[in-house]
Amino acid sequence: MALLETNLRIQACPIPITRSYTPQEMLDAYTERLKILSPSGFVFFVTGDLEPTSNVGPWLRPDGQFYVFSAATNRYVPLNIADSETIWFHFGASTPTFTPPHFWLRTTHTPTEADPSVGRIIGWYGFDGTNWVPTAGITPSGPTSARPTNPVALEQFYDSDISVLIWFERGTWRTVAGSPGDTKFVALTTFEEATTRNPGWSVFGASNVNLRGRYVSAATKNSDGSSPLTVPPDVAERAAFETYGESDGVDINPASPVPYPPTVALIFLVKD
């Protein structure tokens, strides 16, 4: 093994010449008067599980962490390498006061040693040169076949086959638009196409034949008859989901100035 030079030097003290020595005594006296010195200082480090009780140089623990001795606490503390770290983004609840970095992960709480929680994660912000502004993410997109497998709750995807933004909600893909119970007419020719292009929606009346094929009017009270709304004297009060009109005939009077309105039937959907 090749040996390398260092700045360490050996210094020897004079041996007394007032006595005679055997060869062994001469070696012992010579060894006792040797010192290893360095003009710039030299620090060794110790290893092991137990923390040294005094300053014996840097301490390398078996887990690979370096500790150094702190004169303030009189014990070993983790090596601070903050000056050697690259800060990639700000983190915490307080608005950053400097740049770079130009990105900030905003939370509702700034972690501390006493309370390391982050609270609620608000989202990413970017510095536009004047203010910190929320960043807009780009939603993944692709055909229906490319929808993420094993999606997580509220994961979003733009389905280019049906041209709609969807997310995985309540265990299935649904359109982001619309709340449960919302209704709409769809100008498509088949029920299959209508529900395919509107994930999370179903045909209104799919589970109740009495709701199919009817005109929709405004309910004036709850389905149990409670909370009735005030209506004009000539308007019948109708409860939510009440069906009517089966026995009402339509009298077509050609002389009437109000014509029977032309009607077109469209597929009626409801958000699940």
C-alpha atoms as a PDB file:
ATOM      1  CA  MET A   1       0.000   0.000   0.000  1.00  0.00           C
ATOM      2  CA  ALA A   2       1.440   3.375  -0.992  1.00  0.00           C
ATOM      3  CA  LEU A   3       1.728   5.941   1.804  1.00  0.00           C
ATOM      4  CA  LEU A   4       0.941   9.623   1.303  1.00  0.00           C
ATOM      5  CA  GLU A   5       2.737  12.601   2.766  1.00  0.00           C
ATOM      6  CA  THR A   6       0.987  14.787   5.338  1.00  0.00           C
ATOM      7  CA  ASN A   7       1.856  18.044   7.106  1.00  0.00           C
ATOM      8  CA  LEU A   8       2.448  16.103  10.333  1.00  0.00           C
ATOM      9  CA  ARG A   9       5.991  16.355  11.705  1.00  0.00           C
ATOM     10  CA  ILE A  10       7.858  14.428  14.427  1.00  0.00           C
ATOM     11  CA  GLN A  11       9.663  16.496  17.067  1.00  0.00           C
ATOM     12  CA  ALA A  12      12.171  14.970  19.468  1.00  0.00           C
ATOM     13  CA  CYS A  13      13.453  16.409  22.768  1.00  0.00           C
ATOM     14  CA  PRO A  14      17.116  16.088  23.798  1.00  0.00           C
ATOM     15  CA  ILE A  15      18.142  12.960  25.716  1.00  0.00           C
ATOM     16  CA  PRO A  16      20.114  13.592  28.923  1.00  0.00           C
ATOM     17  CA  ILE A  17      23.789  12.790  28.424  1.00  0.00           C
ATOM     18  CA  THR A  18      24.657  12.534  32.118  1.00  0.00           C
ATOM     19  CA  ARG A  19      24.141   8.805  32.198  1.00  0.00           C
ATOM     20  CA  SER A  20      24.720   5.725  30.086  1.00  0.00           C
ATOM     21  CA  TYR A  21      21.960   3.649  28.509  1.00  0.00           C
ATOM     22  CA  THR A  22      21.418   0.128  27.446  1.00  0.00           C
ATOM     23  CA  PRO A  23      20.017  -0.219  23.943  1.00  0.00           C
ATOM     24  CA  GLN A  24      16.508  -0.765  25.331  1.00  0.00           C
ATOM     25  CA  GLU A  25      16.786   2.180  27.725  1.00  0.00           C
ATOM     26  CA  MET A  26      17.989   4.353  24.857  1.00  0.00           C
ATOM     27  CA  LEU A  27      14.927   3.355  22.771  1.00  0.00           C
ATOM     28  CA  ASP A  28      12.553   4.000  25.664  1.00  0.00           C
ATOM     29  CA  ALA A  29      14.061   7.412  26.413  1.00  0.00           C
ATOM     30  CA  TYR A  30      13.959   8.380  22.736  1.00  0.00           C
ATOM     31  CA  THR A  31      10.309   7.278  22.329  1.00  0.00           C
ATOM     32  CA  GLU A  32       9.204   9.169  25.443  1.00  0.00           C
ATOM     33  CA  ARG A  33      10.603  12.406  24.012  1.00  0.00           C
ATOM     34  CA  LEU A  34       8.863  12.221  20.607  1.00  0.00           C
ATOM     35  CA  LYS A  35       5.871  14.400  19.597  1.00  0.00           C
ATOM     36  CA  ILE A  36       3.751  14.451  16.432  1.00  0.00           C
ATOM     37  CA  LEU A  37       2.959  18.063  15.542  1.00  0.00           C
ATOM     38  CA  SER A  38       1.126  19.879  12.722  1.00  0.00           C
ATOM     39  CA  PRO A  39       1.586  23.551  11.762  1.00  0.00           C
ATOM     40  CA  SER A  40      -2.152  23.856  10.949  1.00  0.00           C
ATOM     41  CA  GLY A  41      -3.667  21.553  13.518  1.00  0.00           C
ATOM     42  CA  PHE A  42      -5.056  18.092  12.955  1.00  0.00           C
ATOM     43  CA  VAL A  43      -8.345  16.644  14.113  1.00  0.00           C
ATOM     44  CA  PHE A  44      -9.249  12.984  14.388  1.00  0.00           C
ATOM     45  CA  PHE A  45     -12.802  11.675  14.815  1.00  0.00           C
ATOM     46  CA  VAL A  46     -14.167   8.943  17.032  1.00  0.00           C
ATOM     47  CA  THR A  47     -16.740   6.269  16.226  1.00  0.00           C
ATOM     48  CA  GLY A  48     -19.121   4.198  18.294  1.00  0.00           C
ATOM     49  CA  ASP A  49     -22.558   4.052  19.877  1.00  0.00           C
ATOM     50  CA  LEU A  50     -21.739   5.955  23.057  1.00  0.00           C
ATOM     51  CA  GLU A  51     -21.505   9.736  23.082  1.00  0.00           C
ATOM     52  CA  PRO A  52     -18.058  10.912  24.262  1.00  0.00           C
ATOM     53  CA  THR A  53     -18.125  12.821  27.552  1.00  0.00           C
ATOM     54  CA  SER A  54     -15.550  15.405  26.411  1.00  0.00           C
ATOM     55  CA  ASN A  55     -14.348  17.026  23.209  1.00  0.00           C
ATOM     56  CA  VAL A  56     -12.326  14.355  21.432  1.00  0.00           C
ATOM     57  CA  GLY A  57     -13.036  15.570  17.898  1.00  0.00           C
ATOM     58  CA  PRO A  58     -15.973  14.853  15.600  1.00  0.00           C
ATOM     59  CA  TRP A  59     -18.051  11.821  16.492  1.00  0.00           C
ATOM     60  CA  LEU A  60     -19.281   9.487  13.719  1.00  0.00           C
ATOM     61  CA  ARG A  61     -22.233   7.437  14.879  1.00  0.00           C
ATOM     62  CA  PRO A  62     -22.988   3.959  13.482  1.00  0.00           C
ATOM     63  CA  ASP A  63     -26.052   5.388  11.688  1.00  0.00           C
ATOM     64  CA  GLY A  64     -23.729   7.541   9.552  1.00  0.00           C
ATOM     65  CA  GLN A  65     -24.483  10.864  11.309  1.00  0.00           C
ATOM     66  CA  PHE A  66     -21.667  13.227  12.297  1.00  0.00           C
ATOM     67  CA  TYR A  67     -21.835  15.079  15.629  1.00  0.00           C
ATOM     68  CA  VAL A  68     -19.577  17.853  16.923  1.00  0.00           C
ATOM     69  CA  PHE A  69     -18.892  19.056  20.443  1.00  0.00           C
ATOM     70  CA  SER A  70     -20.803  22.146  21.599  1.00  0.00           C
ATOM     71  CA  ALA A  71     -19.105  24.291  24.224  1.00  0.00           C
ATOM     72  CA  ALA A  72     -22.473  25.898  25.019  1.00  0.00           C
ATOM     73  CA  THR A  73     -24.139  22.631  26.063  1.00  0.00           C
ATOM     74  CA  ASN A  74     -20.958  20.720  26.918  1.00  0.00           C
ATOM     75  CA  ARG A  75     -22.070  17.774  24.845  1.00  0.00           C
ATOM     76  CA  TYR A  76     -22.241  16.580  21.255  1.00  0.00           C
ATOM     77  CA  VAL A  77     -24.836  17.990  18.832  1.00  0.00           C
ATOM     78  CA  PRO A  78     -25.686  17.150  15.176  1.00  0.00           C
ATOM     79  CA  LEU A  79     -23.312  18.663  12.649  1.00  0.00           C
ATOM     80  CA  ASN A  80     -24.890  21.806  11.131  1.00  0.00           C
ATOM     81  CA  ILE A  81     -24.417  21.788   7.354  1.00  0.00           C
ATOM     82  CA  ALA A  82     -26.959  24.528   6.626  1.00  0.00           C
ATOM     83  CA  ASP A  83     -24.369  26.682   4.838  1.00  0.00           C
ATOM     84  CA  SER A  84     -23.643  23.783   2.491  1.00  0.00           C
ATOM     85  CA  GLU A  85     -27.273  23.028   1.688  1.00  0.00           C
ATOM     86  CA  THR A  86     -29.158  24.242  -1.371  1.00  0.00           C
ATOM     87  CA  ILE A  87     -32.613  25.580  -0.471  1.00  0.00           C
ATOM     88  CA  TRP A  88     -34.885  24.430  -3.278  1.00  0.00           C
ATOM     89  CA  PHE A  89     -38.119  26.042  -2.026  1.00  0.00           C
ATOM     90  CA  HIS A  90     -39.597  27.913   0.930  1.00  0.00           C
ATOM     91  CA  PHE A  91     -41.829  25.987   3.320  1.00  0.00           C
ATOM     92  CA  GLY A  92     -44.269  27.089   5.998  1.00  0.00           C
ATOM     93  CA  ALA A  93     -47.093  29.481   6.834  1.00  0.00           C
ATOM     94  CA  SER A  94     -45.193  32.776   6.668  1.00  0.00           C
ATOM     95  CA  THR A  95     -44.815  34.614   3.367  1.00  0.00           C
ATOM     96  CA  PRO A  96     -41.155  34.381   2.244  1.00  0.00           C
ATOM     97  CA  THR A  97     -39.217  37.624   2.526  1.00  0.00           C
ATOM     98  CA  PHE A  98     -36.442  36.831   0.052  1.00  0.00           C
ATOM     99  CA  THR A  99     -35.665  35.061  -3.205  1.00  0.00           C
ATOM    100  CA  PRO A 100     -34.278  32.775  -4.487  1.00  0.00           C
ATOM    101  CA  PRO A 101     -35.739  30.201  -4.258  1.00  0.00           C
ATOM    102  CA  HIS A 102     -38.725  31.368  -6.254  1.00  0.00           C
ATOM    103  CA  PHE A 103     -41.151  28.684  -5.079  1.00  0.00           C
ATOM    104  CA  TRP A 104     -43.042  28.359  -1.798  1.00  0.00           C
ATOM    105  CA  LEU A 105     -45.025  25.390  -0.448  1.00  0.00           C
ATOM    106  CA  ARG A 106     -47.552  27.167   1.737  1.00  0.00           C
ATOM    107  CA  THR A 107     -48.976  25.468   4.844  1.00  0.00           C
ATOM    108  CA  THR A 108     -51.115  26.652   7.746  1.00  0.00           C
ATOM    109  CA  HIS A 109     -48.355  26.043  10.290  1.00  0.00           C
ATOM    110  CA  THR A 110     -44.600  26.439  10.239  1.00  0.00           C
ATOM    111  CA  PRO A 111     -42.987  23.372  11.860  1.00  0.00           C
ATOM    112  CA  THR A 112     -40.852  23.871  14.960  1.00  0.00           C
ATOM    113  CA  GLU A 113     -38.883  21.503  17.125  1.00  0.00           C
ATOM    114  CA  ALA A 114     -41.627  21.696  19.761  1.00  0.00           C
ATOM    115  CA  ASP A 115     -44.445  21.265  17.204  1.00  0.00           C
ATOM    116  CA  PRO A 116     -43.246  19.610  13.964  1.00  0.00           C
ATOM    117  CA  SER A 117     -46.722  19.493  12.387  1.00  0.00           C
ATOM    118  CA  VAL A 118     -47.347  21.375   9.135  1.00  0.00           C
ATOM    119  CA  GLY A 119     -51.074  21.877   9.602  1.00  0.00           C
ATOM    120  CA  ARG A 120     -52.977  21.913   6.318  1.00  0.00           C
ATOM    121  CA  ILE A 121     -51.100  22.103   3.011  1.00  0.00           C
ATOM    122  CA  ILE A 122     -52.422  25.075   1.028  1.00  0.00           C
ATOM    123  CA  GLY A 123     -50.464  24.628  -2.211  1.00  0.00           C
ATOM    124  CA  TRP A 124     -47.577  25.867  -4.326  1.00  0.00           C
ATOM    125  CA  TYR A 125     -46.833  29.556  -4.917  1.00  0.00           C
ATOM    126  CA  GLY A 126     -44.367  31.179  -7.313  1.00  0.00           C
ATOM    127  CA  PHE A 127     -42.737  34.620  -7.160  1.00  0.00           C
ATOM    128  CA  ASP A 128     -43.627  36.687 -10.237  1.00  0.00           C
ATOM    129  CA  GLY A 129     -41.108  39.435  -9.498  1.00  0.00           C
ATOM    130  CA  THR A 130     -43.470  41.396  -7.261  1.00  0.00           C
ATOM    131  CA  ASN A 131     -45.852  39.072  -5.448  1.00  0.00           C
ATOM    132  CA  TRP A 132     -46.214  35.435  -4.434  1.00  0.00           C
ATOM    133  CA  VAL A 133     -49.004  33.974  -6.583  1.00  0.00           C
ATOM    134  CA  PRO A 134     -50.600  30.508  -6.624  1.00  0.00           C
ATOM    135  CA  THR A 135     -49.262  28.241  -9.337  1.00  0.00           C
ATOM    136  CA  ALA A 136     -51.657  26.450 -11.688  1.00  0.00           C
ATOM    137  CA  GLY A 137     -50.895  22.795 -12.286  1.00  0.00           C
ATOM    138  CA  ILE A 138     -51.413  21.163 -15.684  1.00  0.00           C
ATOM    139  CA  THR A 139     -53.948  18.332 -15.474  1.00  0.00           C
ATOM    140  CA  PRO A 140     -52.863  15.051 -17.113  1.00  0.00           C
ATOM    141  CA  SER A 141     -54.872  14.212 -20.224  1.00  0.00           C
ATOM    142  CA  GLY A 142     -55.388  11.503 -22.777  1.00  0.00           C
ATOM    143  CA  PRO A 143     -57.987   9.104 -24.168  1.00  0.00           C
ATOM    144  CA  THR A 144     -60.374   7.146 -21.953  1.00  0.00           C
ATOM    145  CA  SER A 145     -58.026   4.162 -22.092  1.00  0.00           C
ATOM    146  CA  ALA A 146     -55.268   6.273 -20.500  1.00  0.00           C
ATOM    147  CA  ARG A 147     -57.177   7.122 -17.339  1.00  0.00           C
ATOM    148  CA  PRO A 148     -54.949   6.479 -14.300  1.00  0.00           C
ATOM    149  CA  THR A 149     -55.120   2.990 -12.872  1.00  0.00           C
ATOM    150  CA  ASN A 150     -55.698   2.693  -9.121  1.00  0.00           C
ATOM    151  CA  PRO A 151     -56.514   6.423  -8.858  1.00  0.00           C
ATOM    152  CA  VAL A 152     -56.619   8.161  -5.490  1.00  0.00           C
ATOM    153  CA  ALA A 153     -59.610  10.166  -4.269  1.00  0.00           C
ATOM    154  CA  LEU A 154     -60.031  13.490  -6.127  1.00  0.00           C
ATOM    155  CA  GLU A 155     -57.287  12.709  -8.680  1.00  0.00           C
ATOM    156  CA  GLN A 156     -58.108  14.635 -11.874  1.00  0.00           C
ATOM    157  CA  PHE A 157     -57.795  13.709 -15.539  1.00  0.00           C
ATOM    158  CA  TYR A 158     -58.918  15.368 -18.783  1.00  0.00           C
ATOM    159  CA  ASP A 159     -60.506  12.689 -20.977  1.00  0.00           C
ATOM    160  CA  SER A 160     -59.814  13.777 -24.563  1.00  0.00           C
ATOM    161  CA  ASP A 161     -62.206  11.174 -26.008  1.00  0.00           C
ATOM    162  CA  ILE A 162     -65.204  12.863 -24.379  1.00  0.00           C
ATOM    163  CA  SER A 163     -63.630  16.352 -23.986  1.00  0.00           C
ATOM    164  CA  VAL A 164     -64.417  16.709 -20.284  1.00  0.00           C
ATOM    165  CA  LEU A 165     -62.526  17.154 -17.010  1.00  0.00           C
ATOM    166  CA  ILE A 166     -63.187  14.272 -14.621  1.00  0.00           C
ATOM    167  CA  TRP A 167     -61.995  13.222 -11.190  1.00  0.00           C
ATOM    168  CA  PHE A 168     -62.106  10.050  -9.118  1.00  0.00           C
ATOM    169  CA  GLU A 169     -64.748  10.735  -6.512  1.00  0.00           C
ATOM    170  CA  ARG A 170     -66.745   8.363  -4.278  1.00  0.00           C
ATOM    171  CA  GLY A 171     -65.070   5.369  -5.867  1.00  0.00           C
ATOM    172  CA  THR A 172     -65.682   6.155  -9.550  1.00  0.00           C
ATOM    173  CA  TRP A 173     -64.845   8.649 -12.291  1.00  0.00           C
ATOM    174  CA  ARG A 174     -67.257  11.605 -12.411  1.00  0.00           C
ATOM    175  CA  THR A 175     -67.307  14.985 -14.097  1.00  0.00           C
ATOM    176  CA  VAL A 176     -65.796  17.713 -11.954  1.00  0.00           C
ATOM    177  CA  ALA A 177     -68.738  19.940 -12.883  1.00  0.00           C
ATOM    178  CA  GLY A 178     -72.070  19.407 -11.178  1.00  0.00           C
ATOM    179  CA  SER A 179     -73.252  18.529  -7.684  1.00  0.00           C
ATOM    180  CA  PRO A 180     -75.250  15.409  -6.741  1.00  0.00           C
ATOM    181  CA  GLY A 181     -78.868  16.055  -7.724  1.00  0.00           C
ATOM    182  CA  ASP A 182     -78.094  18.515 -10.533  1.00  0.00           C
ATOM    183  CA  THR A 183     -80.048  17.868 -13.734  1.00  0.00           C
ATOM    184  CA  LYS A 184     -79.508  18.785 -17.372  1.00  0.00           C
ATOM    185  CA  PHE A 185     -80.740  18.070 -20.866  1.00  0.00           C
ATOM    186  CA  VAL A 186     -78.186  16.518 -23.236  1.00  0.00           C
ATOM    187  CA  ALA A 187     -78.423  16.953 -27.009  1.00  0.00           C
ATOM    188  CA  LEU A 188     -77.261  13.456 -27.963  1.00  0.00           C
ATOM    189  CA  THR A 189     -79.131  10.683 -29.759  1.00  0.00           C
ATOM    190  CA  THR A 190     -78.546   7.675 -27.467  1.00  0.00           C
ATOM    191  CA  PHE A 191     -78.685   7.100 -23.745  1.00  0.00           C
ATOM    192  CA  GLU A 192     -75.406   5.168 -23.925  1.00  0.00           C
ATOM    193  CA  GLU A 193     -73.562   8.071 -25.525  1.00  0.00           C
ATOM    194  CA  ALA A 194     -75.123  10.532 -23.069  1.00  0.00           C
ATOM    195  CA  THR A 195     -73.920   8.641 -19.983  1.00  0.00           C
ATOM    196  CA  THR A 196     -70.545   7.798 -21.565  1.00  0.00           C
ATOM    197  CA  ARG A 197     -69.851  11.480 -22.218  1.00  0.00           C
ATOM    198  CA  ASN A 198     -71.014  12.418 -18.723  1.00  0.00           C
ATOM    199  CA  PRO A 199     -69.294  10.096 -16.233  1.00  0.00           C
ATOM    200  CA  GLY A 200     -71.064  10.129 -12.868  1.00  0.00           C
ATOM    201  CA  TRP A 201     -74.445  11.052 -14.374  1.00  0.00           C
ATOM    202  CA  SER A 202     -77.416   8.776 -15.039  1.00  0.00           C
ATOM    203  CA  VAL A 203     -80.687   9.059 -16.926  1.00  0.00           C
ATOM    204  CA  PHE A 204     -83.294  10.859 -14.849  1.00  0.00           C
ATOM    205  CA  GLY A 205     -85.887   8.281 -13.819  1.00  0.00           C
ATOM    206  CA  ALA A 206     -83.550   5.342 -14.418  1.00  0.00           C
ATOM    207  CA  SER A 207     -84.808   3.719 -11.204  1.00  0.00           C
ATOM    208  CA  ASN A 208     -88.361   5.116 -11.274  1.00  0.00           C
ATOM    209  CA  VAL A 209     -90.498   4.642 -14.364  1.00  0.00           C
ATOM    210  CA  ASN A 210     -93.022   7.209 -13.089  1.00  0.00           C
ATOM    211  CA  LEU A 211     -90.476  10.012 -13.605  1.00  0.00           C
ATOM    212  CA  ARG A 212     -89.776   9.256 -17.253  1.00  0.00           C
ATOM    213  CA  GLY A 213     -91.003  11.250 -20.221  1.00  0.00           C
ATOM    214  CA  ARG A 214     -92.478  14.083 -18.155  1.00  0.00           C
ATOM    215  CA  TYR A 215     -92.197  17.824 -18.384  1.00  0.00           C
ATOM    216  CA  VAL A 216     -90.425  19.307 -15.394  1.00  0.00           C
ATOM    217  CA  SER A 217     -92.125  22.026 -13.362  1.00  0.00           C
ATOM    218  CA  ALA A 218     -91.127  23.931 -10.236  1.00  0.00           C
ATOM    219  CA  ALA A 219     -91.963  22.224  -6.931  1.00  0.00           C
ATOM    220  CA  THR A 220     -93.606  24.452  -4.331  1.00  0.00           C
ATOM    221  CA  LYS A 221     -93.079  22.306  -1.229  1.00  0.00           C
ATOM    222  CA  ASN A 222     -90.983  19.428   0.074  1.00  0.00           C
ATOM    223  CA  SER A 223     -91.834  15.861  -0.900  1.00  0.00           C
ATOM    224  CA  ASP A 224     -93.505  15.328   2.497  1.00  0.00           C
ATOM    225  CA  GLY A 225     -95.606  18.469   2.062  1.00  0.00           C
ATOM    226  CA  SER A 226     -93.613  20.605   4.480  1.00  0.00           C
ATOM    227  CA  SER A 227     -92.217  24.107   3.861  1.00  0.00           C
ATOM    228  CA  PRO A 228     -94.759  25.144   1.236  1.00  0.00           C
ATOM    229  CA  LEU A 229     -93.959  28.191  -0.873  1.00  0.00           C
ATOM    230  CA  THR A 230     -96.500  30.969  -1.458  1.00  0.00           C
ATOM    231  CA  VAL A 231     -97.886  30.716  -4.988  1.00  0.00           C
ATOM    232  CA  PRO A 232    -100.451  32.721  -6.986  1.00  0.00           C
ATOM    233  CA  PRO A 233    -104.102  31.674  -6.523  1.00  0.00           C
ATOM    234  CA  ASP A 234    -104.306  30.013  -9.953  1.00  0.00           C
ATOM    235  CA  VAL A 235    -101.118  27.946  -9.550  1.00  0.00           C
ATOM    236  CA  ALA A 236    -101.399  24.419  -8.167  1.00  0.00           C
ATOM    237  CA  GLU A 237     -99.042  23.503  -5.350  1.00  0.00           C
ATOM    238  CA  ARG A 238     -96.854  20.571  -6.301  1.00  0.00           C
ATOM    239  CA  ALA A 239     -94.585  18.651  -3.958  1.00  0.00           C
ATOM    240  CA  ALA A 240     -91.050  17.670  -4.969  1.00  0.00           C
ATOM    241  CA  PHE A 241     -91.180  14.525  -7.161  1.00  0.00           C
ATOM    242  CA  GLU A 242     -94.972  14.624  -7.342  1.00  0.00           C
ATOM    243  CA  THR A 243     -96.268  13.168 -10.597  1.00  0.00           C
ATOM    244  CA  TYR A 244     -99.424  14.429 -12.241  1.00  0.00           C
ATOM    245  CA  GLY A 245    -101.099  15.038 -15.571  1.00  0.00           C
ATOM    246  CA  GLU A 246    -102.084  11.487 -16.548  1.00  0.00           C
ATOM    247  CA  SER A 247    -105.795  12.340 -16.589  1.00  0.00           C
ATOM    248  CA  ASP A 248    -105.466  15.923 -17.854  1.00  0.00           C
ATOM    249  CA  GLY A 249    -106.514  16.222 -21.460  1.00  0.00           C
ATOM    250  CA  VAL A 250    -105.179  18.841 -23.817  1.00  0.00           C
ATOM    251  CA  ASP A 251    -107.821  20.916 -25.553  1.00  0.00           C
ATOM    252  CA  ILE A 252    -106.452  22.198 -28.839  1.00  0.00           C
ATOM    253  CA  ASN A 253    -108.341  25.309 -29.856  1.00  0.00           C
ATOM    254  CA  PRO A 254    -107.223  26.447 -33.332  1.00  0.00           C
ATOM    255  CA  ALA A 255    -108.809  29.818 -32.686  1.00  0.00           C
ATOM    256  CA  SER A 256    -106.698  30.457 -29.589  1.00  0.00           C
ATOM    257  CA  PRO A 257    -104.055  33.202 -29.963  1.00  0.00           C
ATOM    258  CA  VAL A 258    -101.657  31.057 -27.865  1.00  0.00           C
ATOM    259  CA  PRO A 259    -100.430  28.156 -30.017  1.00  0.00           C
ATOM    260  CA  TYR A 260     -99.526  24.774 -28.602  1.00  0.00           C
ATOM    261  CA  PRO A 261     -95.726  25.053 -28.230  1.00  0.00           C
ATOM    262  CA  PRO A 262     -93.603  22.904 -30.524  1.00  0.00           C
ATOM    263  CA  THR A 263     -91.568  20.489 -28.407  1.00  0.00           C
ATOM    264  CA  VAL A 264     -88.325  18.563 -28.824  1.00  0.00           C
ATOM    265  CA  ALA A 265     -87.353  15.658 -26.559  1.00  0.00           C
ATOM    266  CA  LEU A 266     -83.802  15.556 -25.209  1.00  0.00           C
ATOM    267  CA  ILE A 267     -82.105  13.080 -22.905  1.00  0.00           C
ATOM    268  CA  PHE A 268     -82.497  14.213 -19.308  1.00  0.00           C
ATOM    269  CA  LEU A 269     -79.622  13.398 -16.913  1.00  0.00           C
ATOM    270  CA  VAL A 270     -79.093  13.734 -13.170  1.00  0.00           C
ATOM    271  CA  LYS A 271     -75.736  13.887 -11.318  1.00  0.00           C
ATOM    272  CA  ASP A 272     -75.269  10.894  -9.036  1.00  0.00           C
END
